[in-house]
């Protein structure tokens, strides 16, 4: 068993552990279509449980994120867009919802939440966590 508290869901932990630089992970509302062949982790229980922002917050504690992508339609819900940006500490790339859906075909996995807020979706692009304190291994 892991010593540190955090994500308990084994499939989500596995996907995060396997993420490499440039790999993409989608956190989605209950309605986002998932392309065939893409790993699909469904954690929805009932409408709005778990919430998109709660899942995003927890995933960000485990995953090094270089870049994030949201749909332009997400910006229509200013409170959602602001909350996303506050959690990210970066400005996400904005694309159309159609482009967003097309881009999910390259994701390592899609995590489906119970969120019933339209366009509550994000693509997280994996970064690297090289620590200069480690120095060279050679």
N, C-alpha and C. Protein backbone atom coordinates (compact mmCIF):
# COMPACT_ATOMS: atom_id res chain seq x y z
N UNK A 1 0.84 -1.18 0.00
CA UNK A 1 0.00 0.00 0.00
C UNK A 1 0.89 1.24 0.00
N UNK A 2 0.45 2.27 -0.69
CA UNK A 2 1.20 3.53 -0.76
C UNK A 2 1.23 4.21 0.60
N UNK A 3 2.32 4.85 0.92
CA UNK A 3 2.45 5.58 2.18
C UNK A 3 1.70 6.90 2.13
N UNK A 4 1.79 7.59 1.03
CA UNK A 4 1.19 8.93 0.97
C UNK A 4 -0.28 8.85 0.60
N UNK A 5 -1.03 9.77 1.18
CA UNK A 5 -2.44 9.82 0.81
C UNK A 5 -2.56 10.53 -0.53
N UNK A 6 -3.65 10.38 -1.17
CA UNK A 6 -3.86 10.96 -2.48
C UNK A 6 -4.86 10.11 -3.22
N UNK A 7 -4.65 9.95 -4.49
CA UNK A 7 -5.56 9.17 -5.31
C UNK A 7 -5.55 7.71 -4.86
N UNK A 8 -6.73 7.17 -4.63
CA UNK A 8 -6.87 5.78 -4.24
C UNK A 8 -7.25 4.88 -5.42
N UNK A 9 -7.80 5.47 -6.47
CA UNK A 9 -8.30 4.71 -7.61
C UNK A 9 -7.13 4.13 -8.40
N UNK A 10 -7.02 2.81 -8.39
CA UNK A 10 -5.89 2.12 -9.00
C UNK A 10 -5.68 2.41 -10.48
N UNK A 11 -6.75 2.43 -11.26
CA UNK A 11 -6.60 2.69 -12.70
C UNK A 11 -6.09 4.09 -12.97
N UNK A 12 -6.59 5.07 -12.21
CA UNK A 12 -6.13 6.45 -12.40
C UNK A 12 -4.66 6.55 -12.02
N UNK A 13 -4.28 5.94 -10.90
CA UNK A 13 -2.86 5.95 -10.50
C UNK A 13 -1.98 5.30 -11.55
N UNK A 14 -2.44 4.19 -12.11
CA UNK A 14 -1.65 3.50 -13.14
C UNK A 14 -1.42 4.39 -14.35
N UNK A 15 -2.50 5.05 -14.82
CA UNK A 15 -2.38 5.91 -15.99
C UNK A 15 -1.41 7.06 -15.70
N UNK A 16 -1.55 7.68 -14.54
CA UNK A 16 -0.65 8.79 -14.20
C UNK A 16 0.80 8.30 -14.13
N UNK A 17 1.02 7.14 -13.53
CA UNK A 17 2.38 6.59 -13.43
C UNK A 17 2.97 6.29 -14.80
N UNK A 18 2.14 5.94 -15.76
CA UNK A 18 2.62 5.61 -17.10
C UNK A 18 2.72 6.82 -18.01
N UNK A 19 2.24 7.97 -17.57
CA UNK A 19 2.30 9.19 -18.41
C UNK A 19 3.75 9.59 -18.64
N UNK A 20 4.04 9.99 -19.84
CA UNK A 20 5.35 10.50 -20.21
C UNK A 20 5.19 11.90 -20.76
N UNK A 21 6.31 12.57 -20.98
CA UNK A 21 6.30 13.93 -21.50
C UNK A 21 5.51 13.98 -22.81
N UNK A 22 4.51 14.84 -22.83
CA UNK A 22 3.69 15.00 -24.04
C UNK A 22 2.46 14.12 -24.09
N UNK A 23 2.37 13.11 -23.23
CA UNK A 23 1.16 12.28 -23.19
C UNK A 23 -0.01 13.11 -22.69
N UNK A 24 -1.21 12.74 -23.13
CA UNK A 24 -2.40 13.51 -22.79
C UNK A 24 -3.40 12.68 -21.99
N UNK A 25 -3.95 13.31 -20.95
CA UNK A 25 -4.97 12.72 -20.10
C UNK A 25 -6.18 13.65 -20.12
N UNK A 26 -7.35 13.08 -20.37
CA UNK A 26 -8.58 13.87 -20.42
C UNK A 26 -9.37 13.64 -19.14
N UNK A 27 -9.83 14.73 -18.54
CA UNK A 27 -10.82 14.66 -17.47
C UNK A 27 -12.09 15.24 -18.06
N UNK A 28 -13.18 14.47 -18.03
CA UNK A 28 -14.37 14.81 -18.80
C UNK A 28 -15.62 14.87 -17.95
N UNK A 29 -16.58 15.64 -18.46
CA UNK A 29 -17.92 15.63 -17.87
C UNK A 29 -18.59 14.32 -18.25
N UNK A 30 -19.81 14.13 -17.79
CA UNK A 30 -20.52 12.87 -18.02
C UNK A 30 -20.90 12.64 -19.47
N UNK A 31 -20.89 13.69 -20.29
CA UNK A 31 -21.40 13.54 -21.65
C UNK A 31 -20.37 13.51 -22.76
N UNK A 32 -19.09 13.74 -22.47
CA UNK A 32 -18.10 13.77 -23.55
C UNK A 32 -17.95 12.39 -24.18
N UNK A 33 -18.06 12.30 -25.51
CA UNK A 33 -17.88 11.00 -26.14
C UNK A 33 -16.42 10.55 -26.04
N UNK A 34 -16.23 9.26 -25.85
CA UNK A 34 -14.88 8.69 -25.76
C UNK A 34 -14.63 7.90 -27.04
N UNK A 35 -13.56 8.23 -27.76
CA UNK A 35 -13.28 7.53 -29.00
C UNK A 35 -13.00 6.03 -28.76
N UNK A 36 -13.38 5.18 -29.70
CA UNK A 36 -13.09 3.75 -29.57
C UNK A 36 -11.59 3.52 -29.43
N UNK A 37 -11.24 2.59 -28.57
CA UNK A 37 -9.84 2.22 -28.40
C UNK A 37 -9.09 3.05 -27.37
N UNK A 38 -9.69 4.10 -26.85
CA UNK A 38 -9.04 4.92 -25.83
C UNK A 38 -9.41 4.38 -24.46
N UNK A 39 -8.42 4.26 -23.57
CA UNK A 39 -8.68 3.79 -22.21
C UNK A 39 -9.72 4.70 -21.57
N UNK A 40 -10.68 4.08 -20.91
CA UNK A 40 -11.85 4.80 -20.40
C UNK A 40 -12.03 4.44 -18.94
N UNK A 41 -11.86 5.43 -18.07
CA UNK A 41 -12.01 5.21 -16.63
C UNK A 41 -13.26 5.95 -16.19
N UNK A 42 -14.32 5.21 -15.96
CA UNK A 42 -15.61 5.81 -15.60
C UNK A 42 -15.75 5.81 -14.08
N UNK A 43 -15.72 7.01 -13.49
CA UNK A 43 -15.87 7.13 -12.04
C UNK A 43 -17.18 7.82 -11.66
N UNK A 44 -18.05 8.05 -12.66
CA UNK A 44 -19.34 8.67 -12.39
C UNK A 44 -20.19 7.75 -11.54
N UNK A 45 -20.84 8.32 -10.53
CA UNK A 45 -21.71 7.54 -9.64
C UNK A 45 -23.16 7.94 -9.86
N UNK A 46 -23.43 9.21 -9.71
CA UNK A 46 -24.74 9.81 -9.95
C UNK A 46 -24.46 11.18 -10.55
N UNK A 47 -25.49 11.87 -11.07
CA UNK A 47 -25.24 13.21 -11.61
C UNK A 47 -24.49 14.09 -10.59
N UNK A 48 -23.40 14.67 -11.08
CA UNK A 48 -22.55 15.60 -10.31
C UNK A 48 -21.76 14.96 -9.18
N UNK A 49 -21.55 13.66 -9.25
CA UNK A 49 -20.70 12.99 -8.27
C UNK A 49 -19.87 11.94 -8.97
N UNK A 50 -18.54 12.07 -8.96
CA UNK A 50 -17.78 13.20 -8.45
C UNK A 50 -17.81 14.38 -9.41
N UNK A 51 -17.50 15.54 -8.88
CA UNK A 51 -17.48 16.76 -9.68
C UNK A 51 -16.18 16.85 -10.46
N UNK A 52 -16.25 17.49 -11.61
CA UNK A 52 -15.09 17.69 -12.48
C UNK A 52 -13.95 18.40 -11.75
N UNK A 53 -14.27 19.52 -11.09
CA UNK A 53 -13.21 20.31 -10.44
C UNK A 53 -12.54 19.55 -9.31
N UNK A 54 -13.29 18.72 -8.60
CA UNK A 54 -12.69 17.91 -7.54
C UNK A 54 -11.70 16.91 -8.11
N UNK A 55 -12.07 16.27 -9.20
CA UNK A 55 -11.18 15.29 -9.82
C UNK A 55 -9.95 15.98 -10.39
N UNK A 56 -10.15 17.12 -11.05
CA UNK A 56 -9.01 17.88 -11.59
C UNK A 56 -8.04 18.23 -10.47
N UNK A 57 -8.56 18.74 -9.37
CA UNK A 57 -7.70 19.15 -8.25
C UNK A 57 -6.84 17.98 -7.75
N UNK A 58 -7.43 16.82 -7.60
CA UNK A 58 -6.70 15.66 -7.08
C UNK A 58 -5.69 15.16 -8.12
N UNK A 59 -6.08 15.09 -9.38
CA UNK A 59 -5.15 14.63 -10.41
C UNK A 59 -3.94 15.56 -10.48
N UNK A 60 -4.14 16.85 -10.32
CA UNK A 60 -3.03 17.81 -10.39
C UNK A 60 -2.05 17.63 -9.23
N UNK A 61 -2.45 16.97 -8.15
CA UNK A 61 -1.51 16.70 -7.06
C UNK A 61 -0.54 15.58 -7.42
N UNK A 62 -0.89 14.76 -8.41
CA UNK A 62 -0.08 13.61 -8.77
C UNK A 62 0.64 13.76 -10.12
N UNK A 63 0.10 14.58 -11.00
CA UNK A 63 0.59 14.65 -12.38
C UNK A 63 1.32 15.96 -12.65
N UNK A 64 2.52 15.86 -13.22
CA UNK A 64 3.24 17.05 -13.68
C UNK A 64 2.61 17.46 -15.01
N UNK A 65 2.09 18.68 -15.07
CA UNK A 65 1.38 19.16 -16.26
C UNK A 65 2.17 20.28 -16.92
N UNK A 66 2.46 20.08 -18.19
CA UNK A 66 3.18 21.08 -18.97
C UNK A 66 2.23 22.08 -19.62
N UNK A 67 1.07 21.57 -20.01
CA UNK A 67 0.12 22.38 -20.77
C UNK A 67 -1.26 21.79 -20.56
N UNK A 68 -2.29 22.63 -20.73
CA UNK A 68 -3.67 22.16 -20.62
C UNK A 68 -4.47 22.74 -21.78
N UNK A 69 -5.53 22.03 -22.16
CA UNK A 69 -6.37 22.42 -23.29
C UNK A 69 -7.83 22.35 -22.86
N UNK A 70 -8.59 23.41 -23.15
CA UNK A 70 -10.03 23.41 -22.93
C UNK A 70 -10.72 23.90 -24.20
N UNK A 71 -12.02 23.65 -24.27
CA UNK A 71 -12.81 24.11 -25.41
C UNK A 71 -13.22 25.57 -25.21
N UNK A 72 -13.33 26.29 -26.29
CA UNK A 72 -13.75 27.70 -26.21
C UNK A 72 -15.13 27.82 -25.57
N UNK A 73 -15.96 26.81 -25.75
CA UNK A 73 -17.30 26.82 -25.16
C UNK A 73 -17.25 26.80 -23.63
N UNK A 74 -16.17 26.29 -23.06
CA UNK A 74 -16.00 26.29 -21.61
C UNK A 74 -15.97 27.72 -21.07
N UNK A 75 -15.46 28.64 -21.86
CA UNK A 75 -15.33 30.03 -21.43
C UNK A 75 -16.69 30.70 -21.24
N UNK A 76 -17.75 30.12 -21.81
CA UNK A 76 -19.09 30.68 -21.63
C UNK A 76 -19.54 30.58 -20.18
N UNK A 77 -19.00 29.63 -19.44
CA UNK A 77 -19.26 29.48 -18.01
C UNK A 77 -18.07 30.10 -17.28
N UNK A 78 -18.17 31.40 -16.99
CA UNK A 78 -17.01 32.12 -16.46
C UNK A 78 -16.53 31.56 -15.12
N UNK A 79 -17.45 31.11 -14.27
CA UNK A 79 -17.00 30.57 -12.98
C UNK A 79 -16.22 29.28 -13.16
N UNK A 80 -16.64 28.43 -14.09
CA UNK A 80 -15.91 27.20 -14.38
C UNK A 80 -14.55 27.52 -14.97
N UNK A 81 -14.51 28.39 -15.96
CA UNK A 81 -13.24 28.75 -16.61
C UNK A 81 -12.26 29.35 -15.61
N UNK A 82 -12.75 30.21 -14.72
CA UNK A 82 -11.89 30.82 -13.70
C UNK A 82 -11.38 29.77 -12.74
N UNK A 83 -12.24 28.87 -12.30
CA UNK A 83 -11.83 27.81 -11.37
C UNK A 83 -10.78 26.90 -11.99
N UNK A 84 -10.94 26.58 -13.26
CA UNK A 84 -9.95 25.75 -13.97
C UNK A 84 -8.61 26.46 -13.97
N UNK A 85 -8.61 27.72 -14.36
CA UNK A 85 -7.35 28.46 -14.46
C UNK A 85 -6.68 28.60 -13.08
N UNK A 86 -7.46 28.81 -12.04
CA UNK A 86 -6.88 28.90 -10.70
C UNK A 86 -6.24 27.60 -10.26
N UNK A 87 -6.86 26.48 -10.59
CA UNK A 87 -6.28 25.19 -10.22
C UNK A 87 -5.02 24.89 -11.01
N UNK A 88 -4.99 25.33 -12.27
CA UNK A 88 -3.85 25.03 -13.14
C UNK A 88 -2.63 25.88 -12.86
N UNK A 89 -2.81 27.12 -12.43
CA UNK A 89 -1.71 28.09 -12.33
C UNK A 89 -1.08 28.36 -13.69
N UNK A 90 -1.85 28.23 -14.73
CA UNK A 90 -1.39 28.53 -16.09
C UNK A 90 -2.62 28.83 -16.94
N UNK A 91 -2.39 29.46 -18.06
CA UNK A 91 -3.49 29.74 -18.99
C UNK A 91 -3.61 28.56 -19.95
N UNK A 92 -4.77 27.93 -20.00
CA UNK A 92 -4.92 26.79 -20.91
C UNK A 92 -5.02 27.24 -22.36
N UNK A 93 -4.63 26.36 -23.25
CA UNK A 93 -4.83 26.56 -24.69
C UNK A 93 -6.33 26.42 -24.95
N UNK A 94 -6.86 27.26 -25.84
CA UNK A 94 -8.28 27.25 -26.16
C UNK A 94 -8.46 26.73 -27.59
N UNK A 95 -9.34 25.73 -27.75
CA UNK A 95 -9.69 25.20 -29.06
C UNK A 95 -11.21 25.06 -29.13
N UNK A 96 -11.75 24.85 -30.31
CA UNK A 96 -13.19 24.62 -30.41
C UNK A 96 -13.53 23.26 -29.79
N UNK A 97 -14.79 23.08 -29.45
CA UNK A 97 -15.21 21.81 -28.87
C UNK A 97 -15.01 20.66 -29.86
N UNK A 98 -15.25 20.93 -31.13
CA UNK A 98 -15.02 19.89 -32.15
C UNK A 98 -13.55 19.49 -32.21
N UNK A 99 -12.65 20.47 -32.16
CA UNK A 99 -11.22 20.19 -32.15
C UNK A 99 -10.84 19.44 -30.88
N UNK A 100 -11.42 19.84 -29.75
CA UNK A 100 -11.17 19.17 -28.48
C UNK A 100 -11.55 17.69 -28.59
N UNK A 101 -12.77 17.42 -29.08
CA UNK A 101 -13.22 16.03 -29.21
C UNK A 101 -12.29 15.23 -30.13
N UNK A 102 -11.86 15.84 -31.22
CA UNK A 102 -10.94 15.16 -32.15
C UNK A 102 -9.61 14.85 -31.45
N UNK A 103 -9.16 15.78 -30.64
CA UNK A 103 -7.87 15.60 -29.97
C UNK A 103 -7.90 14.48 -28.93
N UNK A 104 -9.09 14.17 -28.40
CA UNK A 104 -9.17 13.09 -27.42
C UNK A 104 -8.79 11.74 -28.02
N UNK A 105 -8.76 11.65 -29.34
CA UNK A 105 -8.37 10.39 -29.98
C UNK A 105 -6.90 10.05 -29.72
N UNK A 106 -6.12 11.04 -29.25
CA UNK A 106 -4.70 10.81 -28.95
C UNK A 106 -4.44 10.63 -27.47
N UNK A 107 -5.48 10.65 -26.66
CA UNK A 107 -5.29 10.60 -25.20
C UNK A 107 -4.83 9.22 -24.74
N UNK A 108 -4.04 9.21 -23.69
CA UNK A 108 -3.66 7.95 -23.05
C UNK A 108 -4.89 7.37 -22.35
N UNK A 109 -5.76 8.27 -21.81
CA UNK A 109 -6.98 7.81 -21.15
C UNK A 109 -7.94 8.98 -20.99
N UNK A 110 -9.22 8.64 -20.81
CA UNK A 110 -10.27 9.60 -20.48
C UNK A 110 -10.86 9.19 -19.14
N UNK A 111 -10.88 10.13 -18.19
CA UNK A 111 -11.54 9.91 -16.91
C UNK A 111 -12.89 10.60 -16.99
N UNK A 112 -13.97 9.81 -16.91
CA UNK A 112 -15.33 10.35 -16.97
C UNK A 112 -15.83 10.59 -15.56
N UNK A 113 -16.14 11.87 -15.26
CA UNK A 113 -16.69 12.23 -13.95
C UNK A 113 -18.21 12.21 -14.04
N UNK A 114 -18.86 12.51 -12.94
CA UNK A 114 -20.32 12.62 -12.94
C UNK A 114 -20.81 14.02 -13.24
N UNK A 115 -19.89 14.89 -13.66
CA UNK A 115 -20.22 16.30 -13.87
C UNK A 115 -21.30 16.50 -14.93
N UNK A 116 -22.33 17.27 -14.58
CA UNK A 116 -23.41 17.59 -15.51
C UNK A 116 -23.34 19.03 -16.00
N UNK A 117 -22.24 19.72 -15.80
CA UNK A 117 -22.03 21.06 -16.33
C UNK A 117 -21.48 20.93 -17.75
N UNK A 118 -22.14 21.54 -18.74
CA UNK A 118 -21.65 21.41 -20.12
C UNK A 118 -20.22 21.93 -20.29
N UNK A 119 -19.46 21.24 -21.09
CA UNK A 119 -18.10 21.61 -21.48
C UNK A 119 -17.11 21.62 -20.32
N UNK A 120 -17.39 20.86 -19.27
CA UNK A 120 -16.46 20.72 -18.15
C UNK A 120 -15.48 19.59 -18.49
N UNK A 121 -14.57 19.91 -19.39
CA UNK A 121 -13.60 18.94 -19.90
C UNK A 121 -12.25 19.61 -19.99
N UNK A 122 -11.19 18.82 -19.84
CA UNK A 122 -9.84 19.36 -19.98
C UNK A 122 -8.91 18.27 -20.47
N UNK A 123 -7.94 18.65 -21.25
CA UNK A 123 -6.85 17.76 -21.64
C UNK A 123 -5.62 18.25 -20.90
N UNK A 124 -4.99 17.37 -20.14
CA UNK A 124 -3.75 17.68 -19.43
C UNK A 124 -2.60 17.03 -20.18
N UNK A 125 -1.61 17.83 -20.53
CA UNK A 125 -0.44 17.34 -21.26
C UNK A 125 0.69 17.15 -20.25
N UNK A 126 1.20 15.93 -20.19
CA UNK A 126 2.24 15.60 -19.22
C UNK A 126 3.52 16.36 -19.44
N UNK A 127 4.11 16.77 -18.33
CA UNK A 127 5.41 17.43 -18.35
C UNK A 127 6.46 16.49 -17.76
N UNK A 128 7.60 17.07 -17.38
CA UNK A 128 8.67 16.29 -16.75
C UNK A 128 8.98 16.88 -15.39
N UNK A 129 9.48 16.05 -14.50
CA UNK A 129 9.77 16.47 -13.14
C UNK A 129 11.24 16.22 -12.83
N UNK A 130 12.10 16.75 -13.68
CA UNK A 130 13.52 16.60 -13.43
C UNK A 130 13.91 17.54 -12.31
N UNK A 131 14.61 17.03 -11.33
CA UNK A 131 15.04 17.85 -10.21
C UNK A 131 16.53 18.15 -10.34
N UNK A 132 16.90 19.43 -10.40
CA UNK A 132 18.33 19.74 -10.51
C UNK A 132 19.11 19.28 -9.28
N UNK A 133 18.44 19.09 -8.14
CA UNK A 133 19.12 18.65 -6.92
C UNK A 133 19.66 17.23 -7.06
N UNK A 134 19.12 16.45 -7.98
CA UNK A 134 19.57 15.06 -8.14
C UNK A 134 20.93 14.98 -8.83
N UNK A 135 21.26 15.99 -9.61
CA UNK A 135 22.52 15.98 -10.33
C UNK A 135 22.55 14.89 -11.39
N UNK A 136 23.71 14.65 -11.94
CA UNK A 136 23.81 13.61 -12.97
C UNK A 136 24.03 12.26 -12.32
N UNK A 137 23.57 11.25 -13.00
CA UNK A 137 23.72 9.89 -12.50
C UNK A 137 24.98 9.22 -13.03
N UNK A 138 25.68 9.90 -13.93
CA UNK A 138 26.83 9.29 -14.55
C UNK A 138 28.05 9.76 -13.94
